[in-house]
Amino acid sequence: MIRDIGRLLLVTGAIVVGVAVYGTFRIWDQGRQDERRPAGALVVLGAAQYDGRPSPVLAARLDHAVALFLTGDYHWFVVTGGKADGDRTTEAAVARAYALERGVPDDRILVEDRGRTTLESLRSVTEIVHAKGIADAVFVSDPQHMLRVLRMAADLGLTAWGSPTPTGPLATDPPRLAVAYVHELGALAFYLVGGGDPAGELGEPR
């Protein structure tokens, strides 16, 4: 019996490792694909802000998104992200101000400022863009975030493509990048199994 239990544990462990390797590959593979194209909306996923200043992660996302929006291929520029405990402002408000300073017209910006997790933000974004008659969007975030974002958006009824930012600070910081991949693998599993997001996800990165 002990031998049988040992074999069962080995098989179970091999399955878990195999699933983790496949999941990590899918996260990496989606993150290297830039699917930019004309769409009704360009959506920037939030990340941490520091008392009104975007964190390096958020700034990199916004720089990439603004450059895309100014091509004229998108009607709406959507900023997202709520307020963490103790914050005086929201990620979305900081993102909006940053985009305005870089030439995005005020009347073309839509704000989602309630979400404290990726899923909460995407639920609100779906309501906002559907109210404008928009059913498709290009999403901007860090590469390792894109698979989860696109899966959630599709499940919520949006036609979604991803354009990951190529200049985020995690790309040159292997330890933080490794942590981000572990976080995304866990968060994706959490979503696929339970249909939700880990609690307290607001912050850097989202």
N, C-alpha and C. Protein backbone atom coordinates (compact mmCIF):
# COMPACT_ATOMS: atom_id res chain seq x y z
N MET A 1 0.82 -1.21 0.00
CA MET A 1 0.00 0.00 0.00
C MET A 1 0.86 1.26 0.00
N ILE A 2 1.92 1.24 0.80
CA ILE A 2 2.81 2.40 0.85
C ILE A 2 3.42 2.67 -0.52
N ARG A 3 3.80 1.56 -1.22
CA ARG A 3 4.38 1.71 -2.54
C ARG A 3 3.35 2.31 -3.51
N ASP A 4 2.10 1.86 -3.41
CA ASP A 4 1.05 2.38 -4.29
C ASP A 4 0.80 3.87 -4.02
N ILE A 5 0.79 4.24 -2.74
CA ILE A 5 0.60 5.65 -2.40
C ILE A 5 1.75 6.48 -2.95
N GLY A 6 2.97 5.94 -2.85
CA GLY A 6 4.12 6.65 -3.37
C GLY A 6 4.02 6.86 -4.87
N ARG A 7 3.56 5.83 -5.59
CA ARG A 7 3.40 5.97 -7.04
C ARG A 7 2.32 6.99 -7.37
N LEU A 8 1.24 6.96 -6.60
CA LEU A 8 0.17 7.93 -6.83
C LEU A 8 0.67 9.36 -6.62
N LEU A 9 1.46 9.56 -5.58
CA LEU A 9 2.00 10.88 -5.32
C LEU A 9 2.94 11.32 -6.44
N LEU A 10 3.74 10.40 -6.94
CA LEU A 10 4.64 10.72 -8.04
C LEU A 10 3.87 11.11 -9.30
N VAL A 11 2.83 10.33 -9.61
CA VAL A 11 2.02 10.64 -10.79
C VAL A 11 1.32 11.99 -10.62
N THR A 12 0.77 12.21 -9.43
CA THR A 12 0.09 13.48 -9.18
C THR A 12 1.07 14.64 -9.31
N GLY A 13 2.26 14.48 -8.74
CA GLY A 13 3.27 15.53 -8.83
C GLY A 13 3.66 15.80 -10.26
N ALA A 14 3.81 14.74 -11.06
CA ALA A 14 4.18 14.91 -12.47
C ALA A 14 3.09 15.67 -13.22
N ILE A 15 1.84 15.36 -12.92
CA ILE A 15 0.72 16.06 -13.57
C ILE A 15 0.73 17.54 -13.20
N VAL A 16 0.92 17.83 -11.92
CA VAL A 16 0.95 19.22 -11.47
C VAL A 16 2.08 19.99 -12.14
N VAL A 17 3.26 19.38 -12.20
CA VAL A 17 4.40 20.03 -12.84
C VAL A 17 4.12 20.25 -14.33
N GLY A 18 3.53 19.24 -14.98
CA GLY A 18 3.22 19.37 -16.40
C GLY A 18 2.24 20.49 -16.67
N VAL A 19 1.20 20.58 -15.84
CA VAL A 19 0.22 21.66 -16.00
C VAL A 19 0.87 23.01 -15.78
N ALA A 20 1.75 23.12 -14.77
CA ALA A 20 2.42 24.38 -14.47
C ALA A 20 3.33 24.80 -15.63
N VAL A 21 4.05 23.83 -16.20
CA VAL A 21 4.94 24.13 -17.33
C VAL A 21 4.12 24.59 -18.53
N TYR A 22 3.03 23.91 -18.82
CA TYR A 22 2.18 24.29 -19.95
C TYR A 22 1.57 25.68 -19.72
N GLY A 23 1.08 25.91 -18.50
CA GLY A 23 0.50 27.21 -18.20
C GLY A 23 1.51 28.34 -18.35
N THR A 24 2.73 28.11 -17.87
CA THR A 24 3.78 29.12 -17.99
C THR A 24 4.11 29.38 -19.46
N PHE A 25 4.15 28.32 -20.25
CA PHE A 25 4.40 28.49 -21.68
C PHE A 25 3.30 29.32 -22.33
N ARG A 26 2.04 29.04 -22.00
CA ARG A 26 0.93 29.79 -22.59
C ARG A 26 0.99 31.25 -22.20
N ILE A 27 1.35 31.54 -20.96
CA ILE A 27 1.48 32.93 -20.52
C ILE A 27 2.59 33.62 -21.30
N TRP A 28 3.73 32.95 -21.44
CA TRP A 28 4.86 33.51 -22.19
C TRP A 28 4.51 33.70 -23.66
N ASP A 29 3.86 32.71 -24.25
CA ASP A 29 3.55 32.76 -25.68
C ASP A 29 2.58 33.89 -26.00
N GLN A 30 1.53 34.06 -25.19
CA GLN A 30 0.60 35.16 -25.43
C GLN A 30 1.28 36.50 -25.23
N GLY A 31 2.16 36.57 -24.25
CA GLY A 31 2.82 37.83 -23.95
C GLY A 31 3.77 38.32 -25.02
N ARG A 32 4.20 37.45 -25.92
CA ARG A 32 5.11 37.89 -26.98
C ARG A 32 4.37 38.23 -28.28
N GLN A 33 3.04 38.12 -28.26
CA GLN A 33 2.26 38.40 -29.46
C GLN A 33 1.65 39.80 -29.38
N ASP A 34 1.97 40.63 -30.36
CA ASP A 34 1.38 41.96 -30.46
C ASP A 34 0.28 41.89 -31.50
N GLU A 35 -0.96 41.94 -31.04
CA GLU A 35 -2.13 41.77 -31.92
C GLU A 35 -2.79 43.10 -32.24
N ARG A 36 -2.05 44.20 -32.12
CA ARG A 36 -2.64 45.52 -32.36
C ARG A 36 -3.35 45.57 -33.71
N ARG A 37 -4.50 46.25 -33.74
CA ARG A 37 -5.30 46.43 -34.94
C ARG A 37 -6.36 47.47 -34.62
N PRO A 38 -7.02 48.05 -35.62
CA PRO A 38 -8.10 48.98 -35.33
C PRO A 38 -9.21 48.32 -34.52
N ALA A 39 -9.74 49.04 -33.57
CA ALA A 39 -10.83 48.52 -32.73
C ALA A 39 -11.60 49.69 -32.14
N GLY A 40 -12.73 49.37 -31.54
CA GLY A 40 -13.56 50.43 -30.98
C GLY A 40 -12.94 51.08 -29.76
N ALA A 41 -12.15 50.31 -28.99
CA ALA A 41 -11.57 50.86 -27.77
C ALA A 41 -10.17 50.31 -27.55
N LEU A 42 -9.37 51.13 -26.90
CA LEU A 42 -8.04 50.73 -26.43
C LEU A 42 -8.09 50.80 -24.91
N VAL A 43 -7.83 49.69 -24.25
CA VAL A 43 -8.00 49.61 -22.80
C VAL A 43 -6.64 49.40 -22.13
N VAL A 44 -6.31 50.27 -21.18
CA VAL A 44 -5.05 50.18 -20.44
C VAL A 44 -5.35 49.62 -19.05
N LEU A 45 -4.78 48.49 -18.72
CA LEU A 45 -4.98 47.93 -17.39
C LEU A 45 -4.16 48.69 -16.36
N GLY A 46 -4.76 48.92 -15.21
CA GLY A 46 -4.13 49.72 -14.17
C GLY A 46 -2.97 48.99 -13.48
N ALA A 47 -2.14 49.79 -12.85
CA ALA A 47 -1.06 49.30 -11.98
C ALA A 47 -0.87 50.37 -10.90
N ALA A 48 0.08 50.17 -10.03
CA ALA A 48 0.22 51.04 -8.87
C ALA A 48 0.48 52.49 -9.26
N GLN A 49 -0.01 53.38 -8.42
CA GLN A 49 0.30 54.81 -8.53
C GLN A 49 0.76 55.28 -7.15
N TYR A 50 1.66 56.26 -7.16
CA TYR A 50 2.25 56.75 -5.92
C TYR A 50 1.84 58.19 -5.68
N ASP A 51 0.74 58.36 -4.95
CA ASP A 51 0.26 59.68 -4.58
C ASP A 51 0.11 60.59 -5.81
N GLY A 52 -0.49 60.05 -6.84
CA GLY A 52 -0.76 60.84 -8.05
C GLY A 52 0.24 60.66 -9.16
N ARG A 53 1.31 59.91 -8.92
CA ARG A 53 2.31 59.65 -9.96
C ARG A 53 2.23 58.18 -10.37
N PRO A 54 2.25 57.92 -11.66
CA PRO A 54 2.21 56.51 -12.08
C PRO A 54 3.50 55.79 -11.71
N SER A 55 3.37 54.57 -11.29
CA SER A 55 4.55 53.74 -11.06
C SER A 55 5.23 53.48 -12.41
N PRO A 56 6.48 53.01 -12.41
CA PRO A 56 7.13 52.68 -13.68
C PRO A 56 6.34 51.67 -14.51
N VAL A 57 5.71 50.71 -13.85
CA VAL A 57 4.90 49.73 -14.59
C VAL A 57 3.73 50.42 -15.28
N LEU A 58 3.01 51.27 -14.55
CA LEU A 58 1.86 51.96 -15.13
C LEU A 58 2.30 52.93 -16.22
N ALA A 59 3.40 53.65 -16.00
CA ALA A 59 3.88 54.60 -17.00
C ALA A 59 4.24 53.89 -18.30
N ALA A 60 4.87 52.72 -18.20
CA ALA A 60 5.24 51.98 -19.40
C ALA A 60 3.99 51.54 -20.16
N ARG A 61 2.99 51.09 -19.45
CA ARG A 61 1.74 50.70 -20.10
C ARG A 61 1.11 51.90 -20.80
N LEU A 62 1.08 53.02 -20.12
CA LEU A 62 0.45 54.21 -20.69
C LEU A 62 1.23 54.74 -21.88
N ASP A 63 2.54 54.75 -21.82
CA ASP A 63 3.33 55.22 -22.95
C ASP A 63 3.02 54.39 -24.20
N HIS A 64 2.94 53.09 -24.03
CA HIS A 64 2.63 52.21 -25.16
C HIS A 64 1.21 52.47 -25.66
N ALA A 65 0.26 52.61 -24.74
CA ALA A 65 -1.13 52.80 -25.14
C ALA A 65 -1.34 54.15 -25.83
N VAL A 66 -0.72 55.20 -25.32
CA VAL A 66 -0.87 56.51 -25.95
C VAL A 66 -0.32 56.49 -27.37
N ALA A 67 0.83 55.87 -27.56
CA ALA A 67 1.41 55.77 -28.90
C ALA A 67 0.45 55.04 -29.85
N LEU A 68 -0.19 53.98 -29.37
CA LEU A 68 -1.15 53.27 -30.20
C LEU A 68 -2.37 54.15 -30.50
N PHE A 69 -2.89 54.82 -29.48
CA PHE A 69 -4.11 55.61 -29.66
C PHE A 69 -3.90 56.74 -30.66
N LEU A 70 -2.74 57.35 -30.63
CA LEU A 70 -2.48 58.49 -31.51
C LEU A 70 -2.32 58.10 -32.98
N THR A 71 -2.34 56.80 -33.27
CA THR A 71 -2.37 56.36 -34.66
C THR A 71 -3.73 56.62 -35.29
N GLY A 72 -4.75 56.84 -34.46
CA GLY A 72 -6.10 57.07 -34.97
C GLY A 72 -6.90 55.81 -35.20
N ASP A 73 -6.41 54.67 -34.73
CA ASP A 73 -7.08 53.40 -34.98
C ASP A 73 -8.14 53.06 -33.94
N TYR A 74 -8.32 53.93 -32.93
CA TYR A 74 -9.24 53.60 -31.83
C TYR A 74 -10.12 54.81 -31.54
N HIS A 75 -11.38 54.54 -31.22
CA HIS A 75 -12.27 55.66 -30.90
C HIS A 75 -12.19 56.05 -29.43
N TRP A 76 -12.08 55.06 -28.55
CA TRP A 76 -12.08 55.35 -27.11
C TRP A 76 -10.76 54.88 -26.48
N PHE A 77 -10.29 55.66 -25.54
CA PHE A 77 -9.11 55.34 -24.73
C PHE A 77 -9.63 55.09 -23.32
N VAL A 78 -9.52 53.86 -22.85
CA VAL A 78 -10.13 53.47 -21.57
C VAL A 78 -9.04 53.24 -20.53
N VAL A 79 -9.14 53.95 -19.42
CA VAL A 79 -8.20 53.77 -18.31
C VAL A 79 -8.92 53.06 -17.17
N THR A 80 -8.18 52.25 -16.43
CA THR A 80 -8.82 51.42 -15.41
C THR A 80 -8.05 51.48 -14.09
N GLY A 81 -8.72 51.05 -13.05
CA GLY A 81 -8.06 50.86 -11.76
C GLY A 81 -8.65 51.71 -10.66
N GLY A 82 -8.98 51.06 -9.57
CA GLY A 82 -9.56 51.74 -8.42
C GLY A 82 -8.52 52.27 -7.46
N LYS A 83 -8.90 52.30 -6.20
CA LYS A 83 -8.09 52.91 -5.15
C LYS A 83 -7.76 51.87 -4.09
N ALA A 84 -6.49 51.73 -3.77
CA ALA A 84 -6.09 50.85 -2.68
C ALA A 84 -6.34 51.53 -1.34
N ASP A 85 -6.41 50.75 -0.27
CA ASP A 85 -6.63 51.33 1.05
C ASP A 85 -5.54 52.35 1.36
N GLY A 86 -5.96 53.54 1.78
CA GLY A 86 -5.02 54.59 2.13
C GLY A 86 -4.65 55.51 1.00
N ASP A 87 -5.00 55.16 -0.23
CA ASP A 87 -4.69 56.03 -1.37
C ASP A 87 -5.62 57.24 -1.40
N ARG A 88 -5.10 58.34 -1.94
CA ARG A 88 -5.91 59.54 -2.08
C ARG A 88 -6.55 59.66 -3.46
N THR A 89 -6.10 58.87 -4.40
CA THR A 89 -6.65 58.91 -5.75
C THR A 89 -6.63 57.50 -6.34
N THR A 90 -7.19 57.37 -7.52
CA THR A 90 -7.30 56.06 -8.15
C THR A 90 -6.24 55.89 -9.24
N GLU A 91 -5.97 54.65 -9.58
CA GLU A 91 -5.08 54.37 -10.70
C GLU A 91 -5.63 54.98 -11.98
N ALA A 92 -6.94 54.88 -12.17
CA ALA A 92 -7.56 55.40 -13.39
C ALA A 92 -7.41 56.91 -13.49
N ALA A 93 -7.58 57.62 -12.39
CA ALA A 93 -7.44 59.08 -12.42
C ALA A 93 -6.02 59.49 -12.78
N VAL A 94 -5.04 58.80 -12.23
CA VAL A 94 -3.64 59.08 -12.55
C VAL A 94 -3.37 58.77 -14.02
N ALA A 95 -3.90 57.65 -14.50
CA ALA A 95 -3.71 57.28 -15.90
C ALA A 95 -4.36 58.30 -16.83
N ARG A 96 -5.53 58.77 -16.46
CA ARG A 96 -6.23 59.77 -17.28
C ARG A 96 -5.40 61.05 -17.39
N ALA A 97 -4.90 61.55 -16.26
CA ALA A 97 -4.09 62.77 -16.28
C ALA A 97 -2.83 62.59 -17.13
N TYR A 98 -2.21 61.44 -17.02
CA TYR A 98 -0.98 61.14 -17.77
C TYR A 98 -1.28 61.14 -19.27
N ALA A 99 -2.41 60.52 -19.65
CA ALA A 99 -2.77 60.46 -21.06
C ALA A 99 -3.12 61.85 -21.60
N LEU A 100 -3.82 62.65 -20.82
CA LEU A 100 -4.16 64.01 -21.25
C LEU A 100 -2.90 64.83 -21.53
N GLU A 101 -1.91 64.70 -20.67
CA GLU A 101 -0.67 65.45 -20.84
C GLU A 101 0.06 65.05 -22.12
N ARG A 102 -0.25 63.87 -22.65
CA ARG A 102 0.47 63.36 -23.82
C ARG A 102 -0.40 63.34 -25.08
N GLY A 103 -1.47 64.12 -25.05
CA GLY A 103 -2.19 64.38 -26.28
C GLY A 103 -3.46 63.60 -26.53
N VAL A 104 -3.90 62.77 -25.58
CA VAL A 104 -5.16 62.07 -25.76
C VAL A 104 -6.30 63.03 -25.41
N PRO A 105 -7.25 63.27 -26.31
CA PRO A 105 -8.32 64.24 -26.03
C PRO A 105 -9.20 63.80 -24.86
N ASP A 106 -9.60 64.78 -24.08
CA ASP A 106 -10.41 64.51 -22.90
C ASP A 106 -11.72 63.82 -23.27
N ASP A 107 -12.33 64.22 -24.38
CA ASP A 107 -13.63 63.66 -24.74
C ASP A 107 -13.54 62.27 -25.37
N ARG A 108 -12.32 61.74 -25.44
CA ARG A 108 -12.16 60.37 -25.97
C ARG A 108 -11.71 59.39 -24.88
N ILE A 109 -11.65 59.87 -23.64
CA ILE A 109 -11.20 59.02 -22.54
C ILE A 109 -12.40 58.53 -21.73
N LEU A 110 -12.46 57.24 -21.49
CA LEU A 110 -13.45 56.64 -20.61
C LEU A 110 -12.73 56.12 -19.37
N VAL A 111 -13.37 56.25 -18.22
CA VAL A 111 -12.72 55.94 -16.94
C VAL A 111 -13.46 54.83 -16.22
N GLU A 112 -12.72 53.79 -15.87
CA GLU A 112 -13.22 52.73 -14.98
C GLU A 112 -12.40 52.83 -13.70
N ASP A 113 -13.00 53.30 -12.62
CA ASP A 113 -12.23 53.57 -11.40
C ASP A 113 -12.77 52.85 -10.17
N ARG A 114 -13.46 51.72 -10.41
CA ARG A 114 -14.00 50.96 -9.28
C ARG A 114 -13.26 49.66 -9.03
N GLY A 115 -12.65 49.10 -10.05
CA GLY A 115 -12.06 47.78 -9.94
C GLY A 115 -10.82 47.74 -9.06
N ARG A 116 -10.77 46.76 -8.19
CA ARG A 116 -9.59 46.52 -7.36
C ARG A 116 -8.84 45.27 -7.79
N THR A 117 -9.38 44.55 -8.76
CA THR A 117 -8.70 43.41 -9.35
C THR A 117 -8.89 43.49 -10.86
N THR A 118 -8.15 42.67 -11.57
CA THR A 118 -8.30 42.63 -13.03
C THR A 118 -9.73 42.30 -13.42
N LEU A 119 -10.31 41.30 -12.80
CA LEU A 119 -11.66 40.88 -13.17
C LEU A 119 -12.69 41.96 -12.87
N GLU A 120 -12.58 42.59 -11.73
CA GLU A 120 -13.51 43.68 -11.41
C GLU A 120 -13.41 44.80 -12.43
N SER A 121 -12.20 45.17 -12.80
CA SER A 121 -12.02 46.23 -13.80
C SER A 121 -12.61 45.81 -15.14
N LEU A 122 -12.36 44.58 -15.55
CA LEU A 122 -12.86 44.15 -16.86
C LEU A 122 -14.38 44.06 -16.89
N ARG A 123 -14.98 43.67 -15.78
CA ARG A 123 -16.44 43.67 -15.74
C ARG A 123 -16.99 45.08 -15.95
N SER A 124 -16.38 46.05 -15.28
CA SER A 124 -16.83 47.43 -15.44
C SER A 124 -16.53 47.97 -16.83
N VAL A 125 -15.36 47.62 -17.37
CA VAL A 125 -15.00 48.05 -18.73
C VAL A 125 -16.01 47.51 -19.74
N THR A 126 -16.40 46.26 -19.58
CA THR A 126 -17.38 45.67 -20.50
C THR A 126 -18.68 46.45 -20.48
N GLU A 127 -19.15 46.82 -19.30
CA GLU A 127 -20.38 47.61 -19.19
C GLU A 127 -20.20 48.97 -19.87
N ILE A 128 -19.06 49.60 -19.65
CA ILE A 128 -18.82 50.94 -20.18
C ILE A 128 -18.77 50.93 -21.70
N VAL A 129 -18.01 50.01 -22.29
CA VAL A 129 -17.87 50.03 -23.74
C VAL A 129 -19.13 49.52 -24.43
N HIS A 130 -19.83 48.56 -23.81
CA HIS A 130 -21.09 48.11 -24.40
C HIS A 130 -22.11 49.24 -24.42
N ALA A 131 -22.08 50.09 -23.41
CA ALA A 131 -22.99 51.24 -23.38
C ALA A 131 -22.70 52.22 -24.52
N LYS A 132 -21.47 52.20 -25.02
CA LYS A 132 -21.08 53.04 -26.15
C LYS A 132 -21.26 52.32 -27.49
N GLY A 133 -21.81 51.11 -27.44
CA GLY A 133 -22.00 50.36 -28.66
C GLY A 133 -20.75 49.70 -29.19
N ILE A 134 -19.75 49.51 -28.31
CA ILE A 134 -18.47 48.93 -28.70
C ILE A 134 -18.41 47.47 -28.24
N ALA A 135 -17.98 46.60 -29.13
CA ALA A 135 -17.90 45.18 -28.79
C ALA A 135 -16.50 44.62 -28.93
N ASP A 136 -15.53 45.45 -29.38
CA ASP A 136 -14.17 44.95 -29.55
C ASP A 136 -13.18 45.94 -28.97
N ALA A 137 -12.03 45.41 -28.52
CA ALA A 137 -11.04 46.26 -27.87
C ALA A 137 -9.67 45.63 -27.95
N VAL A 138 -8.65 46.47 -27.98
CA VAL A 138 -7.27 46.04 -27.81
C VAL A 138 -6.86 46.38 -26.38
N PHE A 139 -6.27 45.43 -25.68
CA PHE A 139 -5.89 45.61 -24.28
C PHE A 139 -4.38 45.76 -24.17
N VAL A 140 -3.96 46.70 -23.32
CA VAL A 140 -2.54 46.96 -23.07
C VAL A 140 -2.23 46.63 -21.62
N SER A 141 -1.23 45.79 -21.42
CA SER A 141 -0.74 45.48 -20.09
C SER A 141 0.65 44.89 -20.24
N ASP A 142 1.20 44.37 -19.16
CA ASP A 142 2.50 43.71 -19.24
C ASP A 142 2.34 42.37 -19.95
N PRO A 143 3.40 41.87 -20.59
CA PRO A 143 3.28 40.62 -21.35
C PRO A 143 2.74 39.45 -20.53
N GLN A 144 3.21 39.29 -19.29
CA GLN A 144 2.78 38.13 -18.51
C GLN A 144 1.33 38.24 -18.04
N HIS A 145 0.74 39.40 -18.19
CA HIS A 145 -0.64 39.63 -17.77
C HIS A 145 -1.64 39.35 -18.89
N MET A 146 -1.17 39.30 -20.14
CA MET A 146 -2.07 39.35 -21.28
C MET A 146 -2.98 38.13 -21.39
N LEU A 147 -2.48 36.93 -21.13
CA LEU A 147 -3.31 35.75 -21.29
C LEU A 147 -4.54 35.81 -20.40
N ARG A 148 -4.34 36.16 -19.15
CA ARG A 148 -5.47 36.23 -18.21
C ARG A 148 -6.45 37.34 -18.61
N VAL A 149 -5.92 38.48 -18.99
CA VAL A 149 -6.77 39.60 -19.42
C VAL A 149 -7.64 39.20 -20.60
N LEU A 150 -7.03 38.60 -21.60
CA LEU A 150 -7.78 38.26 -22.81
C LEU A 150 -8.80 37.15 -22.55
N ARG A 151 -8.44 36.20 -21.71
CA ARG A 151 -9.41 35.14 -21.38
C ARG A 151 -10.62 35.72 -20.65
N MET A 152 -10.37 36.59 -19.69
CA MET A 152 -11.47 37.22 -18.96
C MET A 152 -12.33 38.07 -19.88
N ALA A 153 -11.71 38.87 -20.73
CA ALA A 153 -12.45 39.75 -21.63
C ALA A 153 -13.33 38.93 -22.57
N ALA A 154 -12.79 37.85 -23.11
CA ALA A 154 -13.57 37.00 -24.00
C ALA A 154 -14.75 36.38 -23.26
N ASP A 155 -14.51 35.93 -22.03
CA ASP A 155 -15.58 35.33 -21.24
C ASP A 155 -16.69 36.34 -20.92
N LEU A 156 -16.33 37.62 -20.89
CA LEU A 156 -17.30 38.67 -20.60
C LEU A 156 -18.02 39.17 -21.86
N GLY A 157 -17.68 38.60 -23.01
CA GLY A 157 -18.39 38.94 -24.24
C GLY A 157 -17.73 39.96 -25.12
N LEU A 158 -16.48 40.28 -24.86
CA LEU A 158 -15.75 41.23 -25.72
C LEU A 158 -14.90 40.48 -26.72
N THR A 159 -14.81 41.02 -27.92
CA THR A 159 -13.81 40.56 -28.88
C THR A 159 -12.51 41.27 -28.50
N ALA A 160 -11.52 40.51 -28.08
CA ALA A 160 -10.35 41.11 -27.42
C ALA A 160 -9.06 40.68 -28.08
N TRP A 161 -8.14 41.64 -28.22
CA TRP A 161 -6.78 41.38 -28.66
C TRP A 161 -5.82 42.04 -27.69
N GLY A 162 -4.60 41.60 -27.69
CA GLY A 162 -3.62 42.15 -26.76
C GLY A 162 -2.45 42.81 -27.46
N SER A 163 -1.99 43.91 -26.87
CA SER A 163 -0.76 44.56 -27.32
C SER A 163 0.09 44.83 -26.08
N PRO A 164 0.92 43.87 -25.70
CA PRO A 164 1.70 44.02 -24.46
C PRO A 164 2.76 45.11 -24.60
N THR A 165 2.99 45.81 -23.51
CA THR A 165 4.01 46.84 -23.54
C THR A 165 5.40 46.20 -23.61
N PRO A 166 6.25 46.69 -24.51
CA PRO A 166 7.58 46.09 -24.65
C PRO A 166 8.63 46.70 -23.73
N THR A 167 8.25 47.73 -22.96
CA THR A 167 9.26 48.49 -22.23
C THR A 167 9.07 48.48 -20.72
N GLY A 168 8.25 47.58 -20.21
CA GLY A 168 8.01 47.55 -18.77
C GLY A 168 9.26 47.22 -17.98
N PRO A 169 9.39 47.74 -16.77
CA PRO A 169 10.59 47.52 -15.97
C PRO A 169 10.83 46.08 -15.58
N LEU A 170 9.80 45.25 -15.56
CA LEU A 170 10.00 43.85 -15.19
C LEU A 170 10.85 43.11 -16.21
N ALA A 171 10.84 43.59 -17.46
CA ALA A 171 11.59 42.90 -18.51
C ALA A 171 13.09 42.88 -18.24
N THR A 172 13.57 43.84 -17.46
CA THR A 172 15.01 43.92 -17.16
C THR A 172 15.30 43.58 -15.70
N ASP A 173 14.35 42.97 -15.03
CA ASP A 173 14.50 42.61 -13.62
C ASP A 173 14.08 41.15 -13.45
N PRO A 174 14.98 40.20 -13.75
CA PRO A 174 14.60 38.77 -13.74
C PRO A 174 13.95 38.29 -12.45
N PRO A 175 14.43 38.67 -11.26
CA PRO A 175 13.75 38.18 -10.05
C PRO A 175 12.29 38.63 -9.96
N ARG A 176 12.03 39.89 -10.25
CA ARG A 176 10.64 40.38 -10.21
C ARG A 176 9.81 39.75 -11.32
N LEU A 177 10.43 39.53 -12.48
CA LEU A 177 9.71 38.90 -13.58
C LEU A 177 9.31 37.48 -13.21
N ALA A 178 10.21 36.76 -12.55
CA ALA A 178 9.89 35.40 -12.13
C ALA A 178 8.73 35.40 -11.14
N VAL A 179 8.73 36.34 -10.22
CA VAL A 179 7.62 36.45 -9.26
C VAL A 179 6.32 36.76 -9.99
N ALA A 180 6.40 37.63 -11.00
CA ALA A 180 5.20 37.98 -11.77
C ALA A 180 4.64 36.76 -12.49
N TYR A 181 5.51 35.92 -13.04
CA TYR A 181 5.03 34.72 -13.71
C TYR A 181 4.36 33.77 -12.72
N VAL A 182 4.94 33.61 -11.55
CA VAL A 182 4.33 32.75 -10.54
C VAL A 182 2.97 33.30 -10.14
N HIS A 183 2.91 34.61 -9.95
CA HIS A 183 1.63 35.24 -9.60
C HIS A 183 0.59 35.00 -10.69
N GLU A 184 0.98 35.20 -11.95
CA GLU A 184 0.03 35.03 -13.04
C GLU A 184 -0.42 33.59 -13.17
N LEU A 185 0.49 32.66 -12.98
CA LEU A 185 0.11 31.25 -13.06
C LEU A 185 -0.92 30.92 -11.99
N GLY A 186 -0.69 31.39 -10.78
CA GLY A 186 -1.65 31.16 -9.70
C GLY A 186 -2.97 31.87 -9.93
N ALA A 187 -2.89 33.12 -10.41
CA ALA A 187 -4.11 33.89 -10.64
C ALA A 187 -4.93 33.30 -11.78
N LEU A 188 -4.26 32.81 -12.81
CA LEU A 188 -4.97 32.19 -13.92
C LEU A 188 -5.66 30.90 -13.47
N ALA A 189 -4.95 30.09 -12.67
CA ALA A 189 -5.55 28.87 -12.14
C ALA A 189 -6.73 29.21 -11.25
N PHE A 190 -6.59 30.23 -10.43
CA PHE A 190 -7.67 30.66 -9.54
C PHE A 190 -8.90 31.03 -10.35
N TYR A 191 -8.68 31.75 -11.46
CA TYR A 191 -9.80 32.16 -12.30
C TYR A 191 -10.44 30.98 -13.00
N LEU A 192 -9.62 30.11 -13.58
CA LEU A 192 -10.17 28.98 -14.34
C LEU A 192 -10.92 28.00 -13.45
N VAL A 193 -10.47 27.85 -12.21
CA VAL A 193 -11.11 26.90 -11.30
C VAL A 193 -12.31 27.53 -10.59
N GLY A 194 -12.11 28.76 -10.09
CA GLY A 194 -13.13 29.37 -9.26
C GLY A 194 -13.87 30.53 -9.88
N GLY A 195 -13.39 31.04 -11.01
CA GLY A 195 -14.08 32.13 -11.68
C GLY A 195 -13.87 33.49 -11.05
N GLY A 196 -12.82 33.63 -10.23
CA GLY A 196 -12.59 34.91 -9.57
C GLY A 196 -11.13 35.31 -9.66
N ASP A 197 -10.79 36.36 -8.89
CA ASP A 197 -9.42 36.86 -8.80
C ASP A 197 -8.94 36.71 -7.37
N PRO A 198 -7.63 36.56 -7.16
CA PRO A 198 -7.11 36.57 -5.79
C PRO A 198 -7.46 37.88 -5.11
N ALA A 199 -7.80 37.81 -3.83
CA ALA A 199 -8.13 39.02 -3.09
C ALA A 199 -6.90 39.91 -2.97
N GLY A 200 -7.16 41.21 -2.97
CA GLY A 200 -6.07 42.17 -2.77
C GLY A 200 -5.12 42.26 -3.92
N GLU A 201 -5.62 42.09 -5.15
CA GLU A 201 -4.73 42.09 -6.30
C GLU A 201 -4.30 43.49 -6.70
N LEU A 202 -5.05 44.51 -6.29
CA LEU A 202 -4.71 45.88 -6.67
C LEU A 202 -3.28 46.20 -6.25
N GLY A 203 -2.54 46.80 -7.14
CA GLY A 203 -1.16 47.16 -6.81
C GLY A 203 -0.27 47.02 -8.03
N GLU A 204 0.98 46.72 -7.81
CA GLU A 204 1.92 46.63 -8.92
C GLU A 204 2.61 45.27 -8.91
N PRO A 205 2.51 44.50 -10.00
CA PRO A 205 1.61 44.75 -11.11
C PRO A 205 0.22 44.18 -10.82
N ARG A 206 -0.77 44.58 -11.65
CA ARG A 206 -2.12 44.06 -11.50
C ARG A 206 -2.21 42.68 -12.11
